Amino acid sequence: MELLKAAHEEIKKIDPGLKVVFGGTSGVPVAYLEKCLKAGAADFYDVMNIHPYLNRREPEEVFKLLNPLFELQKKYKAEKPV
């Protein structure tokens, strides 16, 4: 969280219009993402970045993987682009 906050501050000093992207996760680690959002991480990024690997699943199944993330975003009022 400290690194994200520091990076956000420096990036916005350089150009407030630049987008800060949350560090990409492998899959959708709900417990980790909830810990981050609960700690206030959403104040320090503009776009959530995850890698929802499907591992031989149908492309449409990506939404099943993302729904828990969307629920967390609503819970913590952190609804930002993914």
C-alpha atoms as a PDB file:
ATOM      1  CA  MET A   1       0.000   0.000   0.000  1.00  0.00           C
ATOM      2  CA  GLU A   2       2.839   2.400   0.799  1.00  0.00           C
ATOM      3  CA  LEU A   3       4.403   1.845  -2.616  1.00  0.00           C
ATOM      4  CA  LEU A   4       1.065   2.341  -4.382  1.00  0.00           C
ATOM      5  CA  LYS A   5       0.431   5.566  -2.459  1.00  0.00           C
ATOM      6  CA  ALA A   6       3.936   6.919  -3.149  1.00  0.00           C
ATOM      7  CA  ALA A   7       3.714   6.028  -6.841  1.00  0.00           C
ATOM      8  CA  HIS A   8       0.283   7.664  -7.093  1.00  0.00           C
ATOM      9  CA  GLU A   9       1.549  10.880  -5.515  1.00  0.00           C
ATOM     10  CA  GLU A  10       4.583  11.108  -7.807  1.00  0.00           C
ATOM     11  CA  ILE A  11       2.669  10.240 -10.964  1.00  0.00           C
ATOM     12  CA  LYS A  12      -0.033  12.817 -10.242  1.00  0.00           C
ATOM     13  CA  LYS A  13       2.640  15.465  -9.506  1.00  0.00           C
ATOM     14  CA  ILE A  14       4.106  14.874 -12.953  1.00  0.00           C
ATOM     15  CA  ASP A  15       0.748  14.966 -14.732  1.00  0.00           C
ATOM     16  CA  PRO A  16      -2.593  14.846 -12.911  1.00  0.00           C
ATOM     17  CA  GLY A  17      -4.186  13.466 -16.080  1.00  0.00           C
ATOM     18  CA  LEU A  18      -2.094  10.292 -16.069  1.00  0.00           C
ATOM     19  CA  LYS A  19      -3.856   7.116 -14.973  1.00  0.00           C
ATOM     20  CA  VAL A  20      -2.434   5.033 -12.142  1.00  0.00           C
ATOM     21  CA  VAL A  21      -3.074   1.328 -12.630  1.00  0.00           C
ATOM     22  CA  PHE A  22      -3.390  -1.126  -9.725  1.00  0.00           C
ATOM     23  CA  GLY A  23      -0.694  -3.813  -9.951  1.00  0.00           C
ATOM     24  CA  GLY A  24      -1.954  -6.684 -12.080  1.00  0.00           C
ATOM     25  CA  THR A  25      -2.892  -9.812 -10.177  1.00  0.00           C
ATOM     26  CA  SER A  26      -2.837 -13.350 -11.453  1.00  0.00           C
ATOM     27  CA  GLY A  27      -6.432 -14.423 -11.428  1.00  0.00           C
ATOM     28  CA  VAL A  28      -8.893 -12.729  -9.109  1.00  0.00           C
ATOM     29  CA  PRO A  29      -7.504 -13.201  -5.575  1.00  0.00           C
ATOM     30  CA  VAL A  30     -10.621 -12.043  -3.728  1.00  0.00           C
ATOM     31  CA  ALA A  31      -9.135 -12.128  -0.195  1.00  0.00           C
ATOM     32  CA  TYR A  32      -6.095 -10.082  -1.265  1.00  0.00           C
ATOM     33  CA  LEU A  33      -8.180  -7.572  -3.211  1.00  0.00           C
ATOM     34  CA  GLU A  34     -10.571  -7.175  -0.295  1.00  0.00           C
ATOM     35  CA  LYS A  35      -7.655  -6.540   2.059  1.00  0.00           C
ATOM     36  CA  CYS A  36      -6.342  -3.846  -0.304  1.00  0.00           C
ATOM     37  CA  LEU A  37      -9.711  -2.173  -0.799  1.00  0.00           C
ATOM     38  CA  LYS A  38     -10.487  -2.288   2.912  1.00  0.00           C
ATOM     39  CA  ALA A  39      -7.162  -0.522   3.561  1.00  0.00           C
ATOM     40  CA  GLY A  40      -8.117   2.277   1.154  1.00  0.00           C
ATOM     41  CA  ALA A  41      -6.122   1.295  -1.921  1.00  0.00           C
ATOM     42  CA  ALA A  42      -8.834   2.661  -4.219  1.00  0.00           C
ATOM     43  CA  ASP A  43      -7.764   6.175  -3.256  1.00  0.00           C
ATOM     44  CA  PHE A  44      -4.453   5.586  -5.025  1.00  0.00           C
ATOM     45  CA  TYR A  45      -5.312   4.089  -8.422  1.00  0.00           C
ATOM     46  CA  ASP A  46      -7.569   4.941 -11.344  1.00  0.00           C
ATOM     47  CA  VAL A  47      -7.850   1.558 -13.070  1.00  0.00           C
ATOM     48  CA  MET A  48      -7.993  -1.949 -11.568  1.00  0.00           C
ATOM     49  CA  ASN A  49      -5.665  -4.333 -13.404  1.00  0.00           C
ATOM     50  CA  ILE A  50      -6.095  -8.090 -13.135  1.00  0.00           C
ATOM     51  CA  HIS A  51      -5.279 -11.051 -15.349  1.00  0.00           C
ATOM     52  CA  PRO A  52      -8.283 -13.416 -15.200  1.00  0.00           C
ATOM     53  CA  TYR A  53      -6.673 -16.476 -16.745  1.00  0.00           C
ATOM     54  CA  LEU A  54      -9.313 -18.849 -18.065  1.00  0.00           C
ATOM     55  CA  ASN A  55      -7.227 -22.025 -18.364  1.00  0.00           C
ATOM     56  CA  ARG A  56      -9.190 -23.759 -21.118  1.00  0.00           C
ATOM     57  CA  ARG A  57     -12.544 -22.299 -20.158  1.00  0.00           C
ATOM     58  CA  GLU A  58     -14.899 -20.567 -22.534  1.00  0.00           C
ATOM     59  CA  PRO A  59     -14.231 -16.816 -22.952  1.00  0.00           C
ATOM     60  CA  GLU A  60     -17.707 -16.014 -21.662  1.00  0.00           C
ATOM     61  CA  GLU A  61     -16.721 -17.456 -18.280  1.00  0.00           C
ATOM     62  CA  VAL A  62     -14.490 -14.481 -17.583  1.00  0.00           C
ATOM     63  CA  PHE A  63     -17.515 -12.690 -16.129  1.00  0.00           C
ATOM     64  CA  LYS A  64     -17.961 -15.447 -13.539  1.00  0.00           C
ATOM     65  CA  LEU A  65     -14.395 -14.764 -12.442  1.00  0.00           C
ATOM     66  CA  LEU A  66     -14.896 -11.000 -12.400  1.00  0.00           C
ATOM     67  CA  ASN A  67     -18.214 -10.875 -10.548  1.00  0.00           C
ATOM     68  CA  PRO A  68     -16.598 -11.237  -7.088  1.00  0.00           C
ATOM     69  CA  LEU A  69     -14.321  -8.302  -7.944  1.00  0.00           C
ATOM     70  CA  PHE A  70     -17.285  -6.186  -9.025  1.00  0.00           C
ATOM     71  CA  GLU A  71     -19.039  -7.046  -5.751  1.00  0.00           C
ATOM     72  CA  LEU A  72     -15.972  -5.947  -3.769  1.00  0.00           C
ATOM     73  CA  GLN A  73     -15.791  -2.717  -5.719  1.00  0.00           C
ATOM     74  CA  LYS A  74     -19.403  -1.967  -4.802  1.00  0.00           C
ATOM     75  CA  LYS A  75     -18.888  -2.954  -1.164  1.00  0.00           C
ATOM     76  CA  TYR A  76     -15.941  -0.566  -0.762  1.00  0.00           C
ATOM     77  CA  LYS A  77     -17.325   2.145  -3.069  1.00  0.00           C
ATOM     78  CA  ALA A  78     -14.343   1.589  -5.339  1.00  0.00           C
ATOM     79  CA  GLU A  79     -16.094   1.148  -8.682  1.00  0.00           C
ATOM     80  CA  LYS A  80     -13.396   1.924 -11.210  1.00  0.00           C
ATOM     81  CA  PRO A  81     -12.588   0.604 -14.677  1.00  0.00           C
ATOM     82  CA  VAL A  82     -11.138  -2.905 -14.845  1.00  0.00           C
END
